[in-house]
Protein backbone atom coordinates (compact mmCIF):
# COMPACT_ATOMS: atom_id res chain seq x y z
CA UNK A 1 -9.53 -21.71 17.98
CA UNK A 2 -5.96 -20.70 17.10
CA UNK A 3 -4.61 -17.19 17.34
CA UNK A 4 -4.24 -16.99 13.56
CA UNK A 5 -7.91 -17.83 12.98
CA UNK A 6 -9.00 -15.25 15.54
CA UNK A 7 -6.92 -12.54 13.86
CA UNK A 8 -8.20 -13.52 10.40
CA UNK A 9 -11.72 -13.25 11.77
CA UNK A 10 -10.91 -9.81 13.16
CA UNK A 11 -9.72 -8.67 9.71
CA UNK A 12 -12.96 -9.84 8.11
CA UNK A 13 -15.05 -8.16 10.83
CA UNK A 14 -13.10 -4.91 10.48
CA UNK A 15 -13.73 -4.82 6.74
CA UNK A 16 -17.44 -5.59 7.23
CA UNK A 17 -17.63 -2.87 9.90
CA UNK A 18 -15.88 -0.45 7.56
CA UNK A 19 -18.39 -1.18 4.77
CA UNK A 20 -21.40 -0.84 7.09
CA UNK A 21 -20.15 2.44 8.56
CA UNK A 22 -19.34 3.74 5.08
CA UNK A 23 -22.80 2.97 3.70
CA UNK A 24 -24.34 4.64 6.76
CA UNK A 25 -22.11 7.70 6.26
CA UNK A 26 -20.39 7.24 9.63
CA UNK A 27 -17.09 8.20 8.06
CA UNK A 28 -15.03 8.61 11.23
CA UNK A 29 -15.99 5.10 12.34
CA UNK A 30 -15.28 3.67 8.90
CA UNK A 31 -11.88 5.37 8.77
CA UNK A 32 -10.91 4.03 12.19
CA UNK A 33 -12.10 0.52 11.28
CA UNK A 34 -9.95 0.55 8.17
CA UNK A 35 -6.98 1.92 10.13
CA UNK A 36 -6.92 -1.25 12.27
CA UNK A 37 -6.76 -3.72 9.37
CA UNK A 38 -3.02 -3.54 8.60
CA UNK A 39 -2.01 -3.59 12.31
CA UNK A 40 -4.03 -6.81 12.67
CA UNK A 41 -2.29 -8.22 9.58
CA UNK A 42 1.00 -7.32 11.27
CA UNK A 43 0.00 -9.20 14.43
CA UNK A 44 -1.04 -12.15 12.26
CA UNK A 45 2.38 -12.06 10.59
CA UNK A 46 4.22 -12.09 13.93
CA UNK A 47 2.04 -14.90 15.28
CA UNK A 48 2.03 -17.26 12.32
CA UNK A 49 5.21 -16.72 10.26
CA UNK A 50 8.23 -18.40 11.89
CA UNK A 51 10.92 -17.19 9.47
CA UNK A 52 10.52 -13.46 9.16
CA UNK A 53 12.13 -11.10 6.67
CA UNK A 54 13.61 -8.05 8.42
CA UNK A 55 12.62 -5.68 5.60
CA UNK A 56 9.10 -7.08 5.20
CA UNK A 57 8.65 -6.88 8.98
CA UNK A 58 9.56 -3.20 9.01
CA UNK A 59 7.33 -2.63 5.97
CA UNK A 60 4.38 -3.90 8.01
CA UNK A 61 5.37 -1.98 11.15
CA UNK A 62 5.79 1.37 9.39
CA UNK A 63 2.64 0.88 7.34
CA UNK A 64 0.74 0.06 10.54
CA UNK A 65 2.02 3.18 12.29
CA UNK A 66 0.92 5.33 9.36
CA UNK A 67 -2.53 3.71 9.37
CA UNK A 68 -2.90 4.23 13.13
CA UNK A 69 -2.27 7.96 12.70
CA UNK A 70 -5.98 8.12 11.85
CA UNK A 71 -6.64 7.87 15.60
CA UNK A 72 -4.75 11.15 16.15
CA UNK A 73 -7.86 12.93 14.89
CA UNK A 74 -9.60 11.90 18.11
CA UNK A 75 -7.16 13.94 20.18
CA UNK A 76 -7.94 17.29 18.55
CA UNK A 77 -10.99 19.54 18.79
CA UNK A 78 -11.27 20.70 15.20
CA UNK A 79 -14.24 22.94 15.93
CA UNK A 80 -12.07 25.25 18.05
CA UNK A 81 -9.16 25.35 15.60
CA UNK A 82 -8.61 28.26 13.22
CA UNK A 83 -8.37 27.75 9.46
CA UNK A 84 -4.59 28.19 9.66
CA UNK A 85 -4.35 25.56 12.40
CA UNK A 86 -6.52 23.15 10.44
CA UNK A 87 -4.37 23.62 7.35
CA UNK A 88 -1.20 23.07 9.36
CA UNK A 89 -2.64 19.89 10.89
CA UNK A 90 -3.70 18.56 7.48
CA UNK A 91 -0.28 19.26 5.97
CA UNK A 92 1.57 17.62 8.87
CA UNK A 93 -0.76 14.62 8.83
CA UNK A 94 -0.24 14.24 5.07
CA UNK A 95 3.54 14.63 5.36
CA UNK A 96 4.10 12.22 8.24
CA UNK A 97 1.61 9.61 7.03
CA UNK A 98 2.81 9.50 3.44
CA UNK A 99 6.50 9.65 4.43
CA UNK A 100 5.96 6.50 6.50
CA UNK A 101 4.20 4.86 3.54
CA UNK A 102 7.07 5.80 1.23
CA UNK A 103 9.70 4.36 3.59
CA UNK A 104 7.59 1.22 4.06
CA UNK A 105 7.25 0.70 0.30
CA UNK A 106 10.96 1.40 -0.18
CA UNK A 107 11.78 -1.39 2.29
CA UNK A 108 9.49 -3.78 0.43
CA UNK A 109 11.06 -2.74 -2.89
CA UNK A 110 14.50 -3.52 -1.46
CA UNK A 111 13.26 -6.85 -0.12
CA UNK A 112 12.01 -7.77 -3.61
CA UNK A 113 15.18 -6.54 -5.32
CA UNK A 114 17.38 -8.80 -3.15
CA UNK A 115 16.02 -11.83 -5.03
CA UNK A 116 16.96 -10.42 -8.45
CA UNK A 117 20.14 -10.54 -10.51
CA UNK A 118 19.90 -7.22 -12.34
CA UNK A 119 22.61 -8.13 -14.81
CA UNK A 120 20.55 -11.06 -16.08
CA UNK A 121 17.33 -9.04 -15.88
CA UNK A 122 18.68 -6.23 -18.08
CA UNK A 123 19.97 -8.87 -20.48
CA UNK A 124 16.79 -10.97 -20.72
CA UNK A 125 14.00 -8.49 -19.93
CA UNK A 126 15.17 -5.25 -21.56
CA UNK A 127 12.02 -4.89 -23.67
CA UNK A 128 9.80 -5.66 -20.68
CA UNK A 129 11.56 -2.99 -18.63
CA UNK A 130 11.23 -0.42 -21.41
CA UNK A 131 7.49 -1.05 -21.82
CA UNK A 132 6.90 -1.02 -18.06
CA UNK A 133 8.88 2.20 -17.66
CA UNK A 134 6.82 3.96 -20.34
CA UNK A 135 3.60 2.67 -18.77
CA UNK A 136 4.69 3.81 -15.30
CA UNK A 137 5.57 7.29 -16.56
CA UNK A 138 2.12 7.55 -18.13
CA UNK A 139 0.36 6.38 -14.93
CA UNK A 140 2.34 8.85 -12.80
CA UNK A 141 1.48 11.61 -15.25
CA UNK A 142 -2.25 10.80 -15.11
CA UNK A 143 -2.29 10.59 -11.30
CA UNK A 144 -0.39 13.85 -10.90
CA UNK A 145 -2.67 15.56 -13.41
CA UNK A 146 -5.64 14.62 -11.24
CA UNK A 147 -4.13 15.76 -7.92
CA UNK A 148 -2.14 18.73 -9.24
CA UNK A 149 -4.90 21.35 -8.65
CA UNK A 150 -4.90 20.38 -4.96
CA UNK A 151 -1.15 20.09 -4.29
CA UNK A 152 0.43 22.37 -6.90
CA UNK A 153 3.10 24.75 -5.63
CA UNK A 154 3.67 22.99 -2.32
CA UNK A 155 5.84 20.23 -0.86
CA UNK A 156 2.77 17.98 -1.09
CA UNK A 157 3.37 17.68 -4.85
CA UNK A 158 6.84 16.23 -4.21
CA UNK A 159 5.45 13.77 -1.64
CA UNK A 160 2.76 12.70 -4.12
CA UNK A 161 5.34 12.26 -6.89
CA UNK A 162 7.72 10.16 -4.78
CA UNK A 163 4.84 8.10 -3.41
CA UNK A 164 3.55 7.22 -6.88
CA UNK A 165 7.03 6.42 -8.18
CA UNK A 166 7.91 4.06 -5.32
CA UNK A 167 4.52 2.34 -5.55
CA UNK A 168 4.88 1.72 -9.30
CA UNK A 169 8.50 0.66 -8.83
CA UNK A 170 7.22 -2.02 -6.46
CA UNK A 171 4.74 -3.19 -9.11
CA UNK A 172 7.45 -3.26 -11.79
CA UNK A 173 9.96 -5.18 -9.69
CA UNK A 174 7.36 -7.64 -8.46
CA UNK A 175 6.33 -8.40 -12.06
CA UNK A 176 9.94 -8.75 -13.20
CA UNK A 177 10.55 -10.81 -10.07
CA UNK A 178 7.81 -13.20 -11.13
CA UNK A 179 9.29 -13.50 -14.64
CA UNK A 180 12.74 -14.07 -13.12
CA UNK A 181 11.95 -16.35 -10.16
CA UNK A 182 8.83 -18.01 -11.62
CA UNK A 183 7.49 -19.32 -8.31
CA UNK A 184 4.41 -19.04 -6.13
CA UNK A 185 5.95 -16.53 -3.73
CA UNK A 186 6.80 -14.03 -6.46
CA UNK A 187 3.37 -14.54 -8.08
CA UNK A 188 1.59 -13.73 -4.79
CA UNK A 189 3.80 -10.68 -4.33
CA UNK A 190 2.88 -9.48 -7.83
CA UNK A 191 -0.84 -9.99 -7.13
CA UNK A 192 -0.45 -7.99 -3.91
CA UNK A 193 1.38 -5.20 -5.70
CA UNK A 194 -1.17 -4.90 -8.49
CA UNK A 195 -4.01 -4.83 -5.95
CA UNK A 196 -2.22 -2.00 -4.11
CA UNK A 197 -1.80 0.00 -7.31
CA UNK A 198 -5.44 -0.44 -8.36
CA UNK A 199 -6.51 0.44 -4.81
CA UNK A 200 -4.48 3.65 -4.92
CA UNK A 201 -5.86 4.62 -8.34
CA UNK A 202 -9.44 4.15 -7.12
CA UNK A 203 -8.60 6.08 -3.95
CA UNK A 204 -7.38 9.02 -6.03
CA UNK A 205 -10.66 8.89 -7.95
CA UNK A 206 -12.58 8.82 -4.65
CA UNK A 207 -10.68 11.75 -3.15
CA UNK A 208 -10.47 14.03 -6.18
CA UNK A 209 -13.15 13.02 -8.72
CA UNK A 210 -16.18 11.42 -7.06
CA UNK A 211 -16.67 10.73 -3.37
CA UNK A 212 -19.10 7.84 -3.87
CA UNK A 213 -19.05 5.33 -1.02
CA UNK A 214 -18.84 2.39 -3.42
CA UNK A 215 -15.48 3.65 -4.69
CA UNK A 216 -14.06 3.79 -1.18
CA UNK A 217 -15.35 0.31 -0.38
CA UNK A 218 -13.90 -1.04 -3.64
CA UNK A 219 -10.48 0.45 -3.00
CA UNK A 220 -10.49 -0.86 0.57
CA UNK A 221 -11.41 -4.35 -0.61
CA UNK A 222 -8.44 -4.28 -3.01
CA UNK A 223 -6.29 -2.93 -0.17
CA UNK A 224 -7.27 -5.88 2.05
CA UNK A 225 -6.68 -8.35 -0.79
CA UNK A 226 -3.22 -6.84 -1.34
CA UNK A 227 -2.23 -7.49 2.26
CA UNK A 228 -3.72 -10.98 2.06
CA UNK A 229 -1.38 -11.71 -0.84
CA UNK A 230 1.55 -10.08 0.99
CA UNK A 231 0.83 -12.18 4.06
CA UNK A 232 0.54 -15.45 2.11
CA UNK A 233 3.79 -14.79 0.21
CA UNK A 234 5.59 -14.10 3.50
CA UNK A 235 4.88 -17.69 4.59
CA UNK A 236 6.68 -19.11 1.53
CA UNK A 237 10.43 -19.36 1.14
CA UNK A 238 11.78 -18.03 -2.15
CA UNK A 239 12.91 -20.78 -4.51
CA UNK A 240 13.88 -19.55 -7.95
CA UNK A 241 13.36 -21.63 -11.06
CA UNK A 242 16.49 -20.93 -13.10
CA UNK A 243 15.85 -20.34 -16.78
CA UNK A 244 18.79 -18.12 -17.66
CA UNK A 245 22.48 -18.84 -17.41
């Protein structure tokens, strides 16, 4: 059995383990199982993709590092920590983890934008951009309205704002990229981006509205599908179908 098949099997097993642990309310185990999924995708990428994009590679590396921060919780004895120490740990964990996600998404956004001619895009897709911008502003507003009671008045609000903006910018550019390039690679990238956005929206609902296990499993399934699409698109070279002069 090839290395790629073994790693794909590991991804499936990790998701199954996550779901089983989640249903059995073994939340530490489920969190650690999920934290290994993207690092295994990264290994799969290094093993099976011969022509690697520098920016996509660093996207995977930084995302993996942020995911693996979940294991840092094993190094601390939370029962002996004061409330102030717990709050400091949570804030630092949130800051470092989400900063790595933001940088990772920014690298992927740049990787997508390199395939686009913005002059032609503004000329041919002005209405699309306007509609997408209005939609993105509304989505950011809704997400921030939900989390605002928990992050208001702190630097966490800024992190949350930047995170949502960069994530929706990725979705917008990947959709425009599909309109512009009209190929399988850009379509897979768009599917991955929309799965990420839906996953994040469900995760916000899980964290701040209802902590039902089914929500967390649903968002993780979308998360895994997103990285499946990202992985498959990374194996395809970009070939644009030219419609506009």
